[in-house]
């Protein structure tokens, strides 16, 4: 029902909130109760002085009666209904519901936002518990130290007379292990109690490199202009704390500089404007391969494209080597991603471009166009098998571009936090239930 035809419903709701009878409101604005009844049932249009008089009696702005709930509230209600997957949800009457019951509409919208927030928290915490290298190392340290203390204590308790030299040695070991356990436990508690949620607790070189790339928006003007080298940029990066991280970042920036030399920014932007995000056309225009075009698209500065793009690169084992996140498409922090991603399907068909429309499981059915291709890494040789890598460009589907639902492939992020049932590719049970 159009928004401007719900004015009567909003008047009826506001009148009920104030505790006014229909006859009382009609008398105060100078119309008959029967006429007000027609208005409240949306059978008569209303405007001008009568609308202003009714709004004054109800103590609201006239716009609250004509416009009703905010568009964001209406959108949230429809999103909640779509995410719940309940066939009987009357999404076409969401605005009428919000107009007649604004309080309940706000409660429902708040609940939907809260559930979505909790889902993200559960996924993040589960991913952290499963893959966080610092957490795993800390727990291993605590358990191994506790085992050493128990072993030493058992010897002291169960053995009779000990030589003074051996007894002193066991006491010294017990003291040292106890101090180490106290330090490890304190460090673990501090790590778990850290409330600085915005801080990225990196611990692996790849994560440091991803944080470094994200901090620079995946775009490096100095490399585009040729005024700095990858070595200089890496050396000045505070995000790169280890030698391994700097080595990985150097390789990424070397590849970036090579791509920028083959596809200079200004000509590449002009070509994108002319042909759109058509990787095959762009590859032909600059005489480069598809992986280079994918990387170049993902490295464009903010504002060049109409929206975000994501990028994932893996090796032949399926281990993720590089990722650029995109809103709505969950990427696990480490390996073990969903095997249904086109990224992995491309490994079975090297050098053959693959394009799939996918939708990640969740309350919001966001769709993405995923373009993937696998290619041999390095020159061919008679005495060695080729080593392949695969790359996937992730493009969010804009509203109105949705395709046939039958052609959309449902995928997850990782099996552990994917509630989708009946999936033949599942490796382990999910901690979430269907519909969470």
Protein backbone atom coordinates (compact mmCIF):
# COMPACT_ATOMS: atom_id res chain seq x y z
CA UNK A 1 0.00 0.00 0.00
CA UNK A 2 1.46 3.43 -0.94
CA UNK A 3 2.70 5.53 1.92
CA UNK A 4 0.41 8.49 1.28
CA UNK A 5 -2.69 6.27 1.61
CA UNK A 6 -1.86 5.20 5.16
CA UNK A 7 -2.46 8.56 6.81
CA UNK A 8 -5.76 7.32 8.25
CA UNK A 9 -4.14 4.26 9.81
CA UNK A 10 -1.55 6.50 11.48
CA UNK A 11 -4.26 8.82 12.78
CA UNK A 12 -6.13 5.88 14.27
CA UNK A 13 -2.96 4.55 15.92
CA UNK A 14 -1.97 7.93 17.37
CA UNK A 15 -5.51 8.50 18.63
CA UNK A 16 -5.46 5.12 20.39
CA UNK A 17 -2.09 5.95 21.97
CA UNK A 18 -3.52 9.18 23.41
CA UNK A 19 -6.62 7.35 24.65
CA UNK A 20 -9.07 9.48 22.63
CA UNK A 21 -12.37 8.13 21.41
CA UNK A 22 -13.18 8.61 17.75
CA UNK A 23 -16.10 10.86 18.66
CA UNK A 24 -13.89 13.04 20.90
CA UNK A 25 -11.31 13.62 18.17
CA UNK A 26 -14.01 14.31 15.58
CA UNK A 27 -15.64 16.89 17.85
CA UNK A 28 -12.34 18.69 18.56
CA UNK A 29 -11.51 19.09 14.85
CA UNK A 30 -15.06 19.92 13.80
CA UNK A 31 -16.05 16.90 11.70
CA UNK A 32 -18.52 14.07 12.15
CA UNK A 33 -17.45 10.76 13.70
CA UNK A 34 -18.60 8.91 10.59
CA UNK A 35 -16.37 11.04 8.38
CA UNK A 36 -13.41 10.50 10.72
CA UNK A 37 -14.14 6.77 10.60
CA UNK A 38 -13.81 6.85 6.79
CA UNK A 39 -10.53 8.76 7.11
CA UNK A 40 -9.11 6.31 9.66
CA UNK A 41 -9.91 3.40 7.39
CA UNK A 42 -8.08 5.12 4.51
CA UNK A 43 -11.30 5.64 2.52
CA UNK A 44 -10.99 9.40 2.38
CA UNK A 45 -8.01 11.52 1.52
CA UNK A 46 -6.96 14.13 4.05
CA UNK A 47 -4.79 17.22 3.88
CA UNK A 48 -4.62 20.95 4.44
CA UNK A 49 -6.14 22.53 7.55
CA UNK A 50 -7.95 19.37 8.69
CA UNK A 51 -4.68 17.43 8.76
CA UNK A 52 -3.00 20.23 10.71
CA UNK A 53 -5.88 20.37 13.21
CA UNK A 54 -5.82 16.60 13.77
CA UNK A 55 -2.04 16.64 14.20
CA UNK A 56 -2.34 19.44 16.76
CA UNK A 57 -4.88 17.50 18.80
CA UNK A 58 -2.74 14.37 18.64
CA UNK A 59 0.38 16.38 19.54
CA UNK A 60 2.44 15.22 16.57
CA UNK A 61 3.89 16.86 13.50
CA UNK A 62 1.68 16.59 10.41
CA UNK A 63 4.55 14.86 8.62
CA UNK A 64 4.37 12.01 11.14
CA UNK A 65 0.85 11.30 9.93
CA UNK A 66 1.54 11.66 6.21
CA UNK A 67 5.01 10.09 6.06
CA UNK A 68 4.79 7.64 8.93
CA UNK A 69 7.83 5.63 9.94
CA UNK A 70 11.22 6.39 8.49
CA UNK A 71 12.26 4.60 5.33
CA UNK A 72 15.09 2.91 7.22
CA UNK A 73 12.59 1.30 9.59
CA UNK A 74 10.52 0.01 6.68
CA UNK A 75 13.64 -1.36 5.02
CA UNK A 76 14.72 -3.08 8.24
CA UNK A 77 11.32 -4.73 8.65
CA UNK A 78 11.44 -6.07 5.10
CA UNK A 79 15.00 -7.24 5.63
CA UNK A 80 13.96 -9.03 8.82
CA UNK A 81 11.11 -10.78 7.01
CA UNK A 82 13.35 -11.80 4.10
CA UNK A 83 16.08 -13.06 6.42
CA UNK A 84 13.66 -15.10 8.49
CA UNK A 85 12.52 -16.94 5.38
CA UNK A 86 8.93 -17.16 6.64
CA UNK A 87 6.65 -17.56 3.65
CA UNK A 88 3.65 -16.05 5.43
CA UNK A 89 5.43 -12.77 6.23
CA UNK A 90 3.43 -10.00 4.51
CA UNK A 91 6.38 -7.91 3.34
CA UNK A 92 4.15 -5.82 1.09
CA UNK A 93 2.35 -4.53 4.20
CA UNK A 94 5.47 -3.64 6.21
CA UNK A 95 4.75 0.07 5.95
CA UNK A 96 1.16 -0.35 7.08
CA UNK A 97 2.39 -2.33 10.09
CA UNK A 98 4.93 0.38 10.93
CA UNK A 99 2.29 3.07 10.56
CA UNK A 100 -0.30 1.37 12.74
CA UNK A 101 2.08 -0.05 15.34
CA UNK A 102 5.22 2.11 15.38
CA UNK A 103 6.29 0.89 18.81
CA UNK A 104 6.14 -2.78 17.91
CA UNK A 105 7.81 -2.01 14.58
CA UNK A 106 10.74 -0.42 16.42
CA UNK A 107 10.96 -3.43 18.76
CA UNK A 108 11.02 -5.85 15.82
CA UNK A 109 13.62 -3.77 13.96
CA UNK A 110 15.77 -3.53 17.07
CA UNK A 111 15.53 -7.31 17.59
CA UNK A 112 16.58 -7.94 14.01
CA UNK A 113 19.60 -5.65 14.34
CA UNK A 114 20.51 -7.24 17.66
CA UNK A 115 20.31 -10.77 16.27
CA UNK A 116 22.48 -9.79 13.30
CA UNK A 117 25.03 -8.26 15.67
CA UNK A 118 25.09 -11.39 17.84
CA UNK A 119 25.52 -13.59 14.78
CA UNK A 120 28.58 -11.57 13.74
CA UNK A 121 29.96 -11.80 17.28
CA UNK A 122 29.50 -15.59 17.42
CA UNK A 123 31.17 -15.99 14.04
CA UNK A 124 34.08 -13.78 15.03
CA UNK A 125 34.63 -15.49 18.37
CA UNK A 126 34.34 -18.96 16.87
CA UNK A 127 36.81 -18.06 14.14
CA UNK A 128 39.13 -16.61 16.74
CA UNK A 129 38.97 -19.67 18.99
CA UNK A 130 39.53 -21.97 16.04
CA UNK A 131 42.29 -20.16 14.24
CA UNK A 132 43.88 -17.48 16.44
CA UNK A 133 47.57 -18.45 16.50
CA UNK A 134 48.35 -16.42 19.62
CA UNK A 135 45.51 -17.99 21.56
CA UNK A 136 46.51 -21.50 20.49
CA UNK A 137 50.15 -20.87 21.44
CA UNK A 138 49.17 -19.45 24.83
CA UNK A 139 46.92 -22.39 25.66
CA UNK A 140 49.62 -24.83 24.60
CA UNK A 141 52.14 -23.05 26.85
CA UNK A 142 49.79 -23.15 29.84
CA UNK A 143 48.95 -26.85 29.37
CA UNK A 144 52.54 -27.96 28.80
CA UNK A 145 53.78 -26.04 31.86
CA UNK A 146 51.01 -27.47 34.03
CA UNK A 147 51.95 -30.98 32.85
CA UNK A 148 55.60 -30.36 33.76
CA UNK A 149 54.64 -29.15 37.24
CA UNK A 150 52.41 -32.17 37.77
CA UNK A 151 55.19 -34.54 36.73
CA UNK A 152 57.71 -32.91 39.07
CA UNK A 153 55.26 -32.83 41.96
CA UNK A 154 54.45 -36.53 41.44
CA UNK A 155 58.11 -37.45 41.69
CA UNK A 156 58.51 -35.47 44.91
CA UNK A 157 55.33 -36.89 46.43
CA UNK A 158 55.68 -40.53 45.43
CA UNK A 159 59.40 -41.07 45.74
CA UNK A 160 60.81 -41.81 49.16
CA UNK A 161 64.19 -40.52 50.13
CA UNK A 162 65.93 -38.47 47.42
CA UNK A 163 69.50 -37.42 47.24
CA UNK A 164 69.79 -33.78 48.35
CA UNK A 165 71.20 -32.84 44.93
CA UNK A 166 68.23 -34.35 43.08
CA UNK A 167 65.71 -32.94 45.55
CA UNK A 168 67.14 -29.45 45.11
CA UNK A 169 67.02 -29.87 41.34
CA UNK A 170 63.34 -30.89 41.41
CA UNK A 171 62.52 -27.99 43.74
CA UNK A 172 64.30 -25.59 41.41
CA UNK A 173 62.41 -26.98 38.39
CA UNK A 174 59.14 -26.72 40.28
CA UNK A 175 59.84 -23.09 41.14
CA UNK A 176 60.81 -22.18 37.58
CA UNK A 177 57.83 -23.97 36.03
CA UNK A 178 55.45 -22.34 38.54
CA UNK A 179 56.80 -18.89 37.64
CA UNK A 180 56.44 -19.70 33.93
CA UNK A 181 52.86 -20.90 34.47
CA UNK A 182 52.01 -17.70 36.36
CA UNK A 183 53.42 -15.54 33.56
CA UNK A 184 51.68 -17.57 30.83
CA UNK A 185 48.35 -17.48 32.66
CA UNK A 186 48.61 -13.73 33.23
CA UNK A 187 49.41 -13.12 29.57
CA UNK A 188 46.48 -15.32 28.49
CA UNK A 189 44.03 -13.58 30.83
CA UNK A 190 45.19 -10.16 29.65
CA UNK A 191 44.76 -11.24 26.04
CA UNK A 192 41.24 -12.58 26.59
CA UNK A 193 40.19 -9.61 28.73
CA UNK A 194 41.44 -7.06 26.23
CA UNK A 195 38.41 -4.86 25.53
CA UNK A 196 39.98 -2.90 22.70
CA UNK A 197 37.73 -4.52 20.14
CA UNK A 198 38.95 -2.29 17.34
CA UNK A 199 42.53 -3.55 17.70
CA UNK A 200 43.50 -6.30 15.33
CA UNK A 201 45.39 -8.98 17.26
CA UNK A 202 47.67 -10.18 14.53
CA UNK A 203 50.21 -12.86 15.10
CA UNK A 204 50.88 -14.43 11.71
CA UNK A 205 52.86 -12.76 8.90
CA UNK A 206 49.94 -13.01 6.51
CA UNK A 207 47.66 -11.21 8.96
CA UNK A 208 50.20 -8.44 9.43
CA UNK A 209 50.39 -8.00 5.67
CA UNK A 210 46.60 -7.91 5.36
CA UNK A 211 46.45 -5.27 8.10
CA UNK A 212 49.14 -3.27 6.29
CA UNK A 213 47.27 -3.45 2.98
CA UNK A 214 43.95 -2.51 4.59
CA UNK A 215 45.54 0.45 6.39
CA UNK A 216 46.60 1.78 2.97
CA UNK A 217 43.27 1.05 1.30
CA UNK A 218 45.03 -1.51 -0.94
CA UNK A 219 46.30 1.43 -3.00
CA UNK A 220 49.81 2.91 -3.04
CA UNK A 221 50.10 6.26 -4.90
CA UNK A 222 53.89 6.29 -4.46
CA UNK A 223 54.17 3.01 -6.39
CA UNK A 224 51.77 4.33 -9.03
CA UNK A 225 53.98 7.39 -9.54
CA UNK A 226 57.21 5.47 -9.21
CA UNK A 227 58.50 7.83 -6.51
CA UNK A 228 59.11 5.07 -3.96
CA UNK A 229 60.14 1.45 -4.12
CA UNK A 230 58.50 -1.50 -2.35
CA UNK A 231 61.56 -1.76 -0.09
CA UNK A 232 61.12 1.80 1.18
CA UNK A 233 57.38 1.39 1.78
CA UNK A 234 57.83 -1.91 3.62
CA UNK A 235 60.64 -0.54 5.78
CA UNK A 236 58.45 2.40 6.88
CA UNK A 237 55.35 0.31 7.66
CA UNK A 238 54.62 0.09 11.42
CA UNK A 239 52.15 -2.75 10.82
CA UNK A 240 54.93 -5.09 9.67
CA UNK A 241 56.71 -6.18 12.84
CA UNK A 242 58.44 -9.37 11.72
CA UNK A 243 60.94 -10.34 9.05
CA UNK A 244 58.54 -12.88 7.55
CA UNK A 245 55.75 -10.30 7.32
CA UNK A 246 58.07 -7.83 5.61
CA UNK A 247 59.16 -10.49 3.15
CA UNK A 248 55.55 -11.36 2.25
CA UNK A 249 54.62 -7.67 1.96
CA UNK A 250 57.61 -7.07 -0.30
CA UNK A 251 56.42 -9.81 -2.66
CA UNK A 252 52.89 -8.35 -2.70
CA UNK A 253 54.15 -4.83 -3.47
CA UNK A 254 56.56 -6.10 -6.13
CA UNK A 255 53.56 -7.67 -7.86
CA UNK A 256 51.60 -4.42 -7.36
CA UNK A 257 54.37 -2.38 -9.00
CA UNK A 258 54.56 -4.82 -11.92
CA UNK A 259 50.80 -4.60 -12.48
CA UNK A 260 50.89 -0.79 -12.26
CA UNK A 261 53.65 -0.63 -14.88
CA UNK A 262 51.64 -2.77 -17.30
CA UNK A 263 48.34 -0.98 -16.57
CA UNK A 264 49.03 2.65 -15.58
CA UNK A 265 46.33 4.11 -13.37
CA UNK A 266 44.98 6.87 -15.64
CA UNK A 267 44.66 4.74 -18.81
CA UNK A 268 43.25 1.86 -16.79
CA UNK A 269 40.59 4.10 -15.23
CA UNK A 270 39.65 5.44 -18.67
CA UNK A 271 39.30 1.91 -20.01
CA UNK A 272 37.18 0.86 -17.04
CA UNK A 273 34.92 3.85 -17.67
CA UNK A 274 34.64 2.89 -21.33
CA UNK A 275 34.02 -0.88 -21.07
CA UNK A 276 32.97 -1.27 -17.41
CA UNK A 277 34.20 -4.06 -15.17
CA UNK A 278 34.77 -6.46 -18.05
CA UNK A 279 38.02 -8.28 -17.16
CA UNK A 280 38.31 -9.98 -20.55
CA UNK A 281 38.02 -6.66 -22.38
CA UNK A 282 40.49 -5.03 -20.00
CA UNK A 283 42.95 -7.92 -20.40
CA UNK A 284 42.77 -7.54 -24.18
CA UNK A 285 43.20 -3.77 -24.05
CA UNK A 286 46.43 -4.00 -22.02
CA UNK A 287 47.65 -7.39 -23.28
CA UNK A 288 47.84 -8.92 -19.81
CA UNK A 289 46.36 -12.02 -18.18
CA UNK A 290 43.17 -12.14 -16.12
CA UNK A 291 44.87 -12.47 -12.70
CA UNK A 292 46.70 -9.18 -13.34
CA UNK A 293 43.40 -7.48 -14.24
CA UNK A 294 41.72 -8.85 -11.11
CA UNK A 295 44.55 -7.55 -8.93
CA UNK A 296 44.47 -4.17 -10.65
CA UNK A 297 40.73 -3.78 -10.19
CA UNK A 298 41.09 -4.58 -6.48
CA UNK A 299 43.85 -1.96 -6.17
CA UNK A 300 41.87 0.95 -7.65
CA UNK A 301 41.54 3.93 -5.28
CA UNK A 302 38.28 4.54 -3.46
CA UNK A 303 35.72 6.42 -5.53
CA UNK A 304 36.76 5.09 -8.93
CA UNK A 305 34.26 2.24 -8.86
CA UNK A 306 30.62 2.52 -7.84
CA UNK A 307 31.08 0.08 -4.97
CA UNK A 308 33.43 -2.27 -3.17
CA UNK A 309 35.29 -5.19 -4.67
CA UNK A 310 36.89 -8.11 -2.88
CA UNK A 311 39.78 -10.34 -3.86
CA UNK A 312 40.99 -13.77 -2.70
CA UNK A 313 44.04 -15.72 -3.86
CA UNK A 314 44.87 -19.31 -2.92
CA UNK A 315 47.42 -21.95 -3.85
CA UNK A 316 46.77 -25.48 -5.10
CA UNK A 317 46.27 -26.75 -1.55
CA UNK A 318 43.37 -24.33 -1.07
CA UNK A 319 45.27 -22.26 1.50
CA UNK A 320 44.37 -18.59 1.35
CA UNK A 321 47.40 -16.48 0.39
CA UNK A 322 45.78 -13.07 0.10
CA UNK A 323 42.41 -11.54 0.80
CA UNK A 324 40.72 -8.20 0.43
CA UNK A 325 37.45 -8.16 2.33
CA UNK A 326 34.17 -6.88 0.92
CA UNK A 327 31.10 -6.05 3.00
CA UNK A 328 28.67 -8.94 3.28
CA UNK A 329 31.05 -11.68 2.10
CA UNK A 330 32.61 -13.35 5.14
CA UNK A 331 36.23 -14.42 4.69
CA UNK A 332 37.75 -16.71 7.34
CA UNK A 333 40.95 -15.35 8.79
CA UNK A 334 42.89 -18.46 7.83
CA UNK A 335 42.36 -21.47 5.58
CA UNK A 336 39.48 -23.92 5.52
CA UNK A 337 37.19 -21.67 3.53
CA UNK A 338 33.99 -22.94 1.92
CA UNK A 339 34.93 -25.47 -0.81
CA UNK A 340 31.96 -24.30 -2.90
CA UNK A 341 33.62 -20.98 -3.71
CA UNK A 342 34.37 -20.58 -7.45
CA UNK A 343 37.95 -19.88 -6.32
CA UNK A 344 38.42 -23.61 -5.72
CA UNK A 345 36.36 -24.78 -8.69
CA UNK A 346 38.79 -22.88 -10.92
CA UNK A 347 41.65 -25.10 -9.72
CA UNK A 348 39.95 -28.04 -11.48
CA UNK A 349 39.90 -26.11 -14.77
CA UNK A 350 43.17 -24.16 -15.07
CA UNK A 351 43.18 -21.15 -17.39
CA UNK A 352 39.40 -21.41 -17.87
CA UNK A 353 37.56 -18.31 -16.55
CA UNK A 354 34.63 -19.09 -14.25
CA UNK A 355 31.80 -16.75 -13.31
CA UNK A 356 29.24 -17.67 -10.68
CA UNK A 357 26.45 -15.81 -8.90
CA UNK A 358 26.68 -16.79 -5.22
CA UNK A 359 24.88 -15.94 -2.00
CA UNK A 360 26.39 -16.47 1.43
CA UNK A 361 24.17 -18.05 4.05
CA UNK A 362 22.81 -15.46 6.47
CA UNK A 363 19.82 -13.35 7.38
CA UNK A 364 20.43 -10.95 4.53
CA UNK A 365 20.47 -12.66 1.15
CA UNK A 366 23.28 -10.60 -0.37
CA UNK A 367 24.38 -11.84 -3.78
CA UNK A 368 27.80 -11.54 -5.38
CA UNK A 369 29.25 -12.08 -8.82
CA UNK A 370 32.41 -14.12 -8.34
CA UNK A 371 34.91 -14.28 -11.20
CA UNK A 372 37.71 -16.82 -10.84
CA UNK A 373 40.58 -18.28 -12.81
CA UNK A 374 43.53 -20.53 -11.99
CA UNK A 375 46.93 -20.17 -13.61
CA UNK A 376 50.34 -21.89 -13.42
CA UNK A 377 52.78 -20.08 -11.14
CA UNK A 378 56.10 -19.97 -12.96
CA UNK A 379 57.35 -21.21 -16.33
CA UNK A 380 56.57 -24.78 -17.45
CA UNK A 381 59.17 -27.53 -17.25
CA UNK A 382 59.46 -31.14 -18.44
CA UNK A 383 60.80 -32.40 -15.14
CA UNK A 384 58.34 -30.78 -12.76
CA UNK A 385 54.61 -30.55 -12.29
CA UNK A 386 53.10 -27.10 -12.64
CA UNK A 387 52.15 -25.26 -9.46
CA UNK A 388 48.81 -23.53 -9.76
CA UNK A 389 47.28 -20.60 -8.01
CA UNK A 390 43.68 -19.40 -8.17
CA UNK A 391 42.27 -15.90 -7.87
CA UNK A 392 38.67 -14.74 -7.34
CA UNK A 393 37.26 -11.25 -7.79
CA UNK A 394 34.15 -10.59 -5.66
CA UNK A 395 31.65 -8.03 -7.00
CA UNK A 396 28.52 -7.20 -4.97
CA UNK A 397 25.32 -7.36 -7.00
CA UNK A 398 23.55 -4.01 -6.98
CA UNK A 399 19.81 -3.85 -6.19
CA UNK A 400 17.75 -4.67 -9.24
CA UNK A 401 20.44 -6.88 -10.78
CA UNK A 402 19.30 -10.07 -9.10
CA UNK A 403 19.24 -13.06 -11.42
CA UNK A 404 17.25 -16.26 -11.43
CA UNK A 405 17.22 -17.70 -7.91
CA UNK A 406 17.83 -21.16 -9.37
CA UNK A 407 21.19 -20.01 -10.76
CA UNK A 408 22.45 -18.57 -7.46
CA UNK A 409 24.87 -20.91 -5.66
CA UNK A 410 24.53 -20.78 -1.86
CA UNK A 411 27.95 -20.81 -0.19
CA UNK A 412 29.34 -20.26 3.29
CA UNK A 413 32.45 -18.81 4.84
CA UNK A 414 33.72 -21.89 6.69
CA UNK A 415 31.90 -25.04 7.76
CA UNK A 416 32.26 -24.34 11.46
CA UNK A 417 30.00 -21.28 11.37
CA UNK A 418 27.80 -22.17 8.38
CA UNK A 419 24.27 -23.24 9.42
CA UNK A 420 23.30 -24.53 5.98
CA UNK A 421 22.00 -28.11 6.21
CA UNK A 422 22.22 -30.84 3.61
CA UNK A 423 25.49 -29.55 2.16
CA UNK A 424 27.51 -32.30 0.49
CA UNK A 425 30.70 -30.27 0.88
CA UNK A 426 30.48 -30.00 4.68
CA UNK A 427 33.65 -31.11 6.49
CA UNK A 428 32.51 -30.75 10.10
CA UNK A 429 29.31 -29.99 12.04
CA UNK A 430 28.44 -26.34 12.49
CA UNK A 431 28.17 -24.73 15.90
CA UNK A 432 25.14 -22.82 14.56
CA UNK A 433 21.72 -24.16 13.75
CA UNK A 434 19.75 -23.65 10.55
CA UNK A 435 18.21 -20.19 10.52
CA UNK A 436 20.53 -18.71 13.14
